[in-house]
Amino acid sequence: MLFTEIIKDNKSFLRCYRRGGYCACHYLCVYYIKNDSPMNRLGISVGKKQGKAVIRNRIKRVFRAAYRLSELEFPIGYDIVFMARGEGAAADTREVMGFIKKRVIPKMNEDAKGRKKKK
């Protein structure tokens, strides 16, 4: 991934959940918040309710691939967290990428242009 680091600390995940914007579909919920750095940071959260380790790892691979394929279209300087939802195991890369391009990126750009964010 070109402009992206991985989020590993729980504090950053919680900051995205509590203060950031979000966009959701049946496969995933995407949380995002500005991070004041020259790169994006990506976190992927898949709970045990999604299934056993093999299924959870597949979901993470699908989300990571969809992000990587549409990475150049994301605005720079955000923490982005993908959280799997109920039907996450049924998702494939094209469906997730379509959701990202049609709903997530336009909403992030709209928020970046001047919408007031919660503090």
Protein backbone atom coordinates (compact mmCIF):
# COMPACT_ATOMS: atom_id res chain seq x y z
CA MET A 1 0.00 0.00 0.00
CA LEU A 2 1.49 3.27 -1.12
CA PHE A 3 0.30 5.95 1.29
CA THR A 4 -0.89 3.79 4.14
CA GLU A 5 0.31 2.53 7.50
CA ILE A 6 -1.48 -0.01 9.68
CA ILE A 7 -3.34 0.98 12.85
CA LYS A 8 -2.41 -1.36 15.68
CA ASP A 9 -3.22 0.48 18.90
CA ASN A 10 -6.67 0.31 20.44
CA LYS A 11 -6.66 4.04 21.20
CA SER A 12 -6.74 4.93 17.49
CA PHE A 13 -9.57 2.47 16.81
CA LEU A 14 -11.64 3.94 19.65
CA ARG A 15 -10.95 7.49 18.44
CA CYS A 16 -12.35 6.57 15.00
CA TYR A 17 -15.41 4.89 16.49
CA ARG A 18 -16.28 7.71 18.89
CA ARG A 19 -15.40 10.90 17.01
CA GLY A 20 -15.24 9.98 13.35
CA GLY A 21 -17.70 9.80 10.53
CA TYR A 22 -18.97 6.50 9.19
CA CYS A 23 -20.62 4.81 6.25
CA ALA A 24 -22.17 1.34 6.35
CA CYS A 25 -23.60 -1.47 4.21
CA HIS A 26 -24.47 -5.09 5.03
CA TYR A 27 -20.84 -6.24 4.68
CA LEU A 28 -18.91 -3.58 6.55
CA CYS A 29 -18.95 -0.29 8.36
CA VAL A 30 -16.20 2.20 7.55
CA TYR A 31 -15.18 4.74 10.19
CA TYR A 32 -12.85 7.62 9.33
CA ILE A 33 -11.33 10.65 11.04
CA LYS A 34 -8.60 13.13 10.10
CA ASN A 35 -5.20 12.27 11.57
CA ASP A 36 -3.11 15.36 10.63
CA SER A 37 -0.35 13.37 8.96
CA PRO A 38 0.74 13.07 5.31
CA MET A 39 -0.56 9.49 5.02
CA ASN A 40 -3.58 7.34 5.71
CA ARG A 41 -3.69 4.70 8.41
CA LEU A 42 -5.83 1.60 7.93
CA GLY A 43 -7.30 -0.67 10.58
CA ILE A 44 -9.45 -3.76 10.04
CA SER A 45 -11.65 -5.16 12.78
CA VAL A 46 -13.31 -8.57 12.47
CA GLY A 47 -15.00 -10.05 15.52
CA LYS A 48 -15.33 -13.68 16.53
CA LYS A 49 -19.03 -13.62 15.63
CA GLN A 50 -17.97 -13.66 11.97
CA GLY A 51 -16.64 -17.21 12.25
CA LYS A 52 -13.50 -19.16 12.85
CA ALA A 53 -9.99 -17.87 12.12
CA VAL A 54 -9.97 -18.98 8.49
CA ILE A 55 -13.12 -16.98 7.74
CA ARG A 56 -11.95 -13.93 9.69
CA ASN A 57 -8.63 -13.93 7.82
CA ARG A 58 -10.45 -14.21 4.47
CA ILE A 59 -12.60 -11.20 5.37
CA LYS A 60 -9.47 -9.21 6.24
CA ARG A 61 -7.83 -10.19 2.94
CA VAL A 62 -10.90 -9.10 0.98
CA PHE A 63 -11.11 -5.74 2.78
CA ARG A 64 -7.37 -5.12 2.41
CA ALA A 65 -7.47 -5.93 -1.33
CA ALA A 66 -10.47 -3.66 -1.91
CA TYR A 67 -8.70 -0.83 -0.07
CA ARG A 68 -5.46 -1.39 -1.99
CA LEU A 69 -7.25 -1.29 -5.37
CA SER A 70 -8.98 2.00 -4.57
CA GLU A 71 -6.24 3.56 -2.41
CA LEU A 72 -5.36 6.33 -4.86
CA GLU A 73 -8.92 7.72 -4.72
CA PHE A 74 -8.99 8.15 -0.93
CA PRO A 75 -8.20 11.60 0.44
CA ILE A 76 -4.85 11.70 2.25
CA GLY A 77 -4.51 12.24 6.01
CA TYR A 78 -7.20 9.98 7.48
CA ASP A 79 -7.45 7.11 9.93
CA ILE A 80 -9.76 4.56 8.31
CA VAL A 81 -11.21 1.55 10.11
CA PHE A 82 -13.08 -1.23 8.30
CA MET A 83 -15.31 -3.18 10.67
CA ALA A 84 -16.95 -6.38 9.41
CA ARG A 85 -20.69 -6.72 9.84
CA GLY A 86 -23.13 -9.64 9.75
CA GLU A 87 -22.73 -10.69 6.12
CA GLY A 88 -19.02 -9.86 5.91
CA ALA A 89 -18.04 -13.45 5.11
CA ALA A 90 -20.20 -13.39 1.97
CA ALA A 91 -18.51 -10.28 0.53
CA ASP A 92 -16.11 -10.38 -2.35
CA THR A 93 -13.54 -7.79 -3.36
CA ARG A 94 -15.59 -6.28 -6.21
CA GLU A 95 -18.64 -5.67 -4.00
CA VAL A 96 -16.56 -4.07 -1.26
CA MET A 97 -14.64 -1.96 -3.77
CA GLY A 98 -17.91 -0.81 -5.37
CA PHE A 99 -19.22 0.27 -1.96
CA ILE A 100 -15.98 2.13 -1.23
CA LYS A 101 -16.02 3.98 -4.56
CA LYS A 102 -19.74 4.80 -4.60
CA ARG A 103 -20.38 5.71 -0.98
CA VAL A 104 -17.29 5.95 1.25
CA ILE A 105 -14.95 8.10 -0.85
CA PRO A 106 -17.64 10.65 -1.84
CA LYS A 107 -18.74 10.94 1.79
CA MET A 108 -15.15 11.44 2.99
CA ASN A 109 -14.57 14.11 0.32
CA GLU A 110 -17.83 15.83 1.28
CA ASP A 111 -16.82 15.89 4.95
CA ALA A 112 -13.34 17.15 4.05
CA LYS A 113 -14.76 20.10 2.10
CA GLY A 114 -16.31 21.73 5.08
CA ARG A 115 -18.92 19.79 6.95
CA LYS A 116 -18.63 20.28 10.67
CA LYS A 117 -17.40 17.22 12.52
CA LYS A 118 -18.26 16.10 16.05
CA LYS A 119 -15.59 16.88 18.62
